[in-house]
Amino acid sequence: MITLDTRPARPLGGFRPAFLRLELRRTLRDKRTVLFALVMPPLFFIIFGTSAGYRSEGFGTGNATGYVMVSMAVYGALLATSTGAARVAVERAAGWSRQLRLTPLHPLAYIATKILVAMVLGLLSVTVVFVAGAVFGAYLPASAWVSCFLIAWLGSLVFAAFGLFMGYLLPAENVMQLLGVSLALLSFAGGLFNPLHGWFEIVSKLVPTNGIAVLARAPFAQPSAAGIVLAIVNVVTWAAVFTLGSAYLFRRDTAR
């Protein structure tokens, strides 16, 4: 016998700011997430990017310390948004997702909340790294401080979709470990940590982290117009791949 859901439609799929605040508090109480998103990126920046030689070495219209700062801000944002979104795997395993289906909250509103929480976490991560950069000698033109910050943060939305994709693809007991290793490998392969040359540079154009890295550094690194176009294509393509993949896995999960 088929029954129809006669409950009235809820505005915004039942989304509530209170639920968003709850999710944000739960995320910030996770020590592993805070360590990866808010502690490691600025620590890596201080260790690898604040030597006297880097502060005095120019890079584009900034200095090498500024280059490392932006790179670590991007890395922190990717870690923050992807791990924040990938928490859906843990919640699915704990039965939290099934409990939410008994409430008026629409599944899409739940996913939107996860993405918003991930982006808030990414914003905090970029902010912490930029504050460390301002303290420890990073130099960028004034306009580049603003534009690099915004691109690093907003570009990480691609990896919020990546985190969701991994969260629905992998089992809860493995997702965080595999996610961390995957992001580290993608960052090295995409030239996020250091400039690549030769065929390594050519291959890096296909890696998801490359487009965000190039665009985030563009305001002071002065890449070619062709390089910027390739970076935009990279970001758009991978955003579509991760979003469509997440949507497919989400529909498969909720259809069970």
Protein backbone atom coordinates (compact mmCIF):
# COMPACT_ATOMS: atom_id res chain seq x y z
CA MET A 1 0.00 0.00 0.00
CA ILE A 2 1.40 3.39 -1.01
CA THR A 3 1.00 6.31 1.39
CA LEU A 4 1.55 9.91 0.62
CA ASP A 5 3.43 12.34 2.86
CA THR A 6 0.77 14.87 3.79
CA ARG A 7 2.99 17.03 5.98
CA PRO A 8 3.12 20.64 4.79
CA ALA A 9 6.23 21.69 2.95
CA ARG A 10 8.69 23.47 5.19
CA PRO A 11 10.37 26.71 4.06
CA LEU A 12 13.95 26.07 2.92
CA GLY A 13 13.45 22.36 3.40
CA GLY A 14 13.13 22.70 7.15
CA PHE A 15 16.49 24.47 7.48
CA ARG A 16 16.95 26.14 10.86
CA PRO A 17 19.78 28.47 11.99
CA ALA A 18 19.72 26.63 15.32
CA PHE A 19 20.64 23.39 13.53
CA LEU A 20 23.46 25.20 11.74
CA ARG A 21 24.81 26.46 15.07
CA LEU A 22 24.55 22.96 16.53
CA GLU A 23 26.49 21.47 13.64
CA LEU A 24 29.15 24.16 13.90
CA ARG A 25 29.59 23.56 17.63
CA ARG A 26 29.82 19.81 17.08
CA THR A 27 32.48 20.32 14.42
CA LEU A 28 34.59 22.71 16.51
CA ARG A 29 34.49 20.28 19.43
CA ASP A 30 36.12 17.62 17.27
CA LYS A 31 39.78 17.83 18.27
CA ARG A 32 41.03 16.08 15.14
CA THR A 33 39.17 18.49 12.86
CA VAL A 34 40.45 21.53 14.74
CA LEU A 35 44.01 20.17 14.64
CA PHE A 36 43.94 19.58 10.89
CA ALA A 37 42.10 22.76 9.96
CA LEU A 38 43.22 25.42 12.42
CA VAL A 39 46.55 24.30 13.87
CA MET A 40 48.54 22.48 11.19
CA PRO A 41 48.32 25.06 8.34
CA PRO A 42 49.64 28.07 10.33
CA LEU A 43 52.22 25.83 12.01
CA PHE A 44 53.49 24.61 8.63
CA PHE A 45 53.60 28.22 7.42
CA ILE A 46 55.71 29.29 10.40
CA ILE A 47 58.07 26.32 9.99
CA PHE A 48 58.59 26.50 6.22
CA GLY A 49 57.89 30.10 5.23
CA THR A 50 59.27 32.53 7.77
CA SER A 51 63.05 32.31 7.39
CA ALA A 52 64.93 35.57 6.87
CA GLY A 53 65.80 34.49 3.34
CA TYR A 54 62.15 33.99 2.41
CA ARG A 55 61.14 37.34 3.88
CA SER A 56 63.76 39.13 1.77
CA GLU A 57 63.24 37.09 -1.42
CA GLY A 58 60.82 38.58 -3.91
CA PHE A 59 58.10 36.59 -5.67
CA GLY A 60 56.02 38.49 -8.20
CA THR A 61 54.86 41.64 -6.46
CA GLY A 62 55.13 40.01 -3.02
CA ASN A 63 57.77 38.01 -1.20
CA ALA A 64 58.43 34.29 -0.81
CA THR A 65 56.91 34.32 2.69
CA GLY A 66 53.71 35.68 1.15
CA TYR A 67 53.81 32.87 -1.42
CA VAL A 68 54.06 30.24 1.32
CA MET A 69 51.34 31.99 3.32
CA VAL A 70 48.84 31.87 0.46
CA SER A 71 49.77 28.27 -0.33
CA MET A 72 49.22 27.18 3.27
CA ALA A 73 45.99 29.17 3.46
CA VAL A 74 44.70 27.27 0.43
CA TYR A 75 45.86 23.98 1.94
CA GLY A 76 44.18 24.82 5.25
CA ALA A 77 40.94 25.75 3.50
CA LEU A 78 40.98 22.49 1.53
CA LEU A 79 41.59 20.49 4.69
CA ALA A 80 38.91 22.35 6.60
CA THR A 81 36.15 22.17 4.01
CA SER A 82 36.81 18.59 2.92
CA THR A 83 37.10 17.15 6.43
CA GLY A 84 34.10 19.18 7.58
CA ALA A 85 31.96 17.83 4.76
CA ALA A 86 33.32 14.28 5.01
CA ARG A 87 31.90 14.00 8.55
CA VAL A 88 28.72 12.75 6.86
CA ALA A 89 30.43 9.32 6.75
CA VAL A 90 30.81 9.24 10.53
CA GLU A 91 27.26 10.47 11.05
CA ARG A 92 25.85 7.89 8.66
CA ALA A 93 27.66 5.12 10.53
CA ALA A 94 26.39 6.42 13.89
CA GLY A 95 22.79 6.55 12.66
CA TRP A 96 22.57 10.35 12.92
CA SER A 97 21.44 10.67 9.30
CA ARG A 98 18.61 8.20 9.85
CA GLN A 99 17.48 10.13 12.92
CA LEU A 100 17.36 13.35 10.92
CA ARG A 101 15.05 11.71 8.38
CA LEU A 102 12.43 11.50 11.12
CA THR A 103 12.45 15.31 11.39
CA PRO A 104 11.06 17.92 8.97
CA LEU A 105 14.63 18.60 7.76
CA HIS A 106 14.91 17.81 4.04
CA PRO A 107 18.01 15.80 3.05
CA LEU A 108 19.14 18.59 0.73
CA ALA A 109 18.88 21.10 3.59
CA TYR A 110 21.05 18.74 5.63
CA ILE A 111 23.69 18.69 2.86
CA ALA A 112 23.53 22.47 2.52
CA THR A 113 24.10 22.78 6.26
CA LYS A 114 27.16 20.52 6.05
CA ILE A 115 28.58 22.67 3.26
CA LEU A 116 27.93 25.89 5.18
CA VAL A 117 29.67 24.48 8.25
CA ALA A 118 32.58 23.35 6.10
CA MET A 119 32.91 26.82 4.57
CA VAL A 120 32.82 28.49 8.00
CA LEU A 121 35.61 26.16 9.07
CA GLY A 122 37.51 27.03 5.88
CA LEU A 123 37.07 30.74 6.61
CA LEU A 124 38.53 30.29 10.08
CA SER A 125 41.49 28.34 8.67
CA VAL A 126 42.36 30.96 6.06
CA THR A 127 42.00 33.72 8.65
CA VAL A 128 44.40 32.02 11.07
CA VAL A 129 47.05 31.56 8.37
CA PHE A 130 46.74 35.15 7.13
CA VAL A 131 47.03 36.49 10.67
CA ALA A 132 50.20 34.42 11.11
CA GLY A 133 51.46 35.80 7.79
CA ALA A 134 50.88 39.38 8.88
CA VAL A 135 52.78 38.72 12.10
CA PHE A 136 55.72 36.83 10.59
CA GLY A 137 56.66 39.01 7.65
CA ALA A 138 54.52 38.06 4.64
CA TYR A 139 54.38 40.86 2.11
CA LEU A 140 51.71 41.28 -0.56
CA PRO A 141 50.21 44.38 -2.18
CA ALA A 142 47.18 45.60 -0.22
CA SER A 143 44.70 44.49 -2.89
CA ALA A 144 46.32 41.05 -3.03
CA TRP A 145 45.77 40.48 0.68
CA VAL A 146 42.02 40.78 0.11
CA SER A 147 41.75 38.99 -3.22
CA CYS A 148 44.06 36.10 -2.26
CA PHE A 149 42.10 35.62 0.97
CA LEU A 150 38.75 35.49 -0.84
CA ILE A 151 39.96 33.20 -3.64
CA ALA A 152 41.60 30.78 -1.19
CA TRP A 153 38.40 30.59 0.82
CA LEU A 154 35.76 30.56 -1.93
CA GLY A 155 37.82 28.20 -4.11
CA SER A 156 37.76 25.64 -1.32
CA LEU A 157 34.05 25.14 -2.03
CA VAL A 158 35.24 22.64 -4.66
CA PHE A 159 36.75 20.56 -1.89
CA ALA A 160 33.63 20.78 0.23
CA ALA A 161 32.04 18.84 -2.64
CA PHE A 162 35.08 16.54 -2.65
CA GLY A 163 34.61 15.90 1.07
CA LEU A 164 30.95 15.02 0.56
CA PHE A 165 31.90 12.71 -2.29
CA MET A 166 34.46 10.92 -0.13
CA GLY A 167 32.08 10.87 2.85
CA TYR A 168 29.43 9.01 0.88
CA LEU A 169 31.96 6.82 -0.93
CA LEU A 170 34.15 5.57 1.91
CA PRO A 171 33.36 3.79 5.19
CA ALA A 172 33.48 5.90 8.34
CA GLU A 173 36.46 4.08 9.85
CA ASN A 174 38.70 4.98 6.89
CA VAL A 175 37.42 8.24 5.49
CA MET A 176 39.45 10.73 7.56
CA GLN A 177 42.74 8.86 7.17
CA LEU A 178 42.32 8.40 3.43
CA LEU A 179 41.13 11.98 3.04
CA GLY A 180 44.24 13.39 4.71
CA VAL A 181 46.58 11.27 2.60
CA SER A 182 44.66 12.10 -0.59
CA LEU A 183 44.80 15.86 0.04
CA ALA A 184 48.52 15.76 0.80
CA LEU A 185 49.26 13.85 -2.42
CA LEU A 186 46.98 16.09 -4.49
CA SER A 187 48.64 19.19 -3.02
CA PHE A 188 52.14 18.01 -3.91
CA ALA A 189 51.05 16.83 -7.37
CA GLY A 190 49.15 20.06 -8.05
CA GLY A 191 52.08 22.34 -7.23
CA LEU A 192 50.41 23.83 -4.18
CA PHE A 193 53.48 23.65 -1.94
CA ASN A 194 56.17 24.60 -4.45
CA PRO A 195 56.51 25.52 -8.13
CA LEU A 196 56.82 22.57 -10.51
CA HIS A 197 58.84 22.41 -13.71
CA GLY A 198 59.08 20.28 -16.84
CA TRP A 199 56.59 17.48 -17.36
CA PHE A 200 55.63 17.65 -13.66
CA GLU A 201 54.21 21.12 -14.33
CA ILE A 202 52.28 19.89 -17.38
CA VAL A 203 50.72 16.96 -15.49
CA SER A 204 49.89 19.19 -12.52
CA LYS A 205 47.39 21.14 -14.65
CA LEU A 206 45.08 18.12 -14.45
CA VAL A 207 45.17 17.85 -10.64
CA PRO A 208 42.23 19.37 -8.69
CA THR A 209 44.43 21.45 -6.38
CA ASN A 210 46.30 23.15 -9.21
CA GLY A 211 43.53 25.45 -10.38
CA ILE A 212 42.82 26.84 -6.91
CA ALA A 213 46.55 27.28 -6.21
CA VAL A 214 47.13 29.24 -9.42
CA LEU A 215 44.08 31.47 -8.95
CA ALA A 216 44.78 32.17 -5.28
CA ARG A 217 48.35 33.29 -6.08
CA ALA A 218 47.41 35.13 -9.28
CA PRO A 219 46.93 38.60 -7.66
CA PHE A 220 50.66 38.80 -6.88
CA ALA A 221 52.36 35.95 -8.79
CA GLN A 222 51.28 37.37 -12.18
CA PRO A 223 50.67 34.17 -14.17
CA SER A 224 50.02 34.29 -17.91
CA ALA A 225 46.51 34.76 -19.28
CA ALA A 226 46.63 31.20 -20.62
CA GLY A 227 47.58 29.94 -17.17
CA ILE A 228 44.61 31.70 -15.60
CA VAL A 229 42.21 30.27 -18.21
CA LEU A 230 43.54 26.75 -17.62
CA ALA A 231 43.16 27.24 -13.86
CA ILE A 232 39.53 28.35 -14.25
CA VAL A 233 38.79 25.33 -16.47
CA ASN A 234 40.43 23.09 -13.89
CA VAL A 235 38.31 24.49 -11.02
CA VAL A 236 35.04 24.38 -12.97
CA THR A 237 35.66 20.85 -14.26
CA TRP A 238 36.54 19.35 -10.90
CA ALA A 239 33.71 21.23 -9.18
CA ALA A 240 31.30 19.61 -11.64
CA VAL A 241 32.85 16.15 -11.19
CA PHE A 242 32.73 16.26 -7.38
CA THR A 243 29.27 17.84 -7.25
CA LEU A 244 27.72 15.35 -9.67
CA GLY A 245 29.47 12.47 -7.93
CA SER A 246 28.23 13.65 -4.53
CA ALA A 247 24.68 14.06 -5.85
CA TYR A 248 24.68 10.54 -7.28
CA LEU A 249 26.02 8.95 -4.08
CA PHE A 250 23.62 11.05 -1.99
CA ARG A 251 20.60 9.89 -3.98
CA ARG A 252 21.79 6.28 -3.75
CA ASP A 253 22.22 6.59 0.01
CA THR A 254 18.84 8.20 0.69
CA ALA A 255 17.07 5.69 -1.59
CA ARG A 256 17.97 2.79 0.73
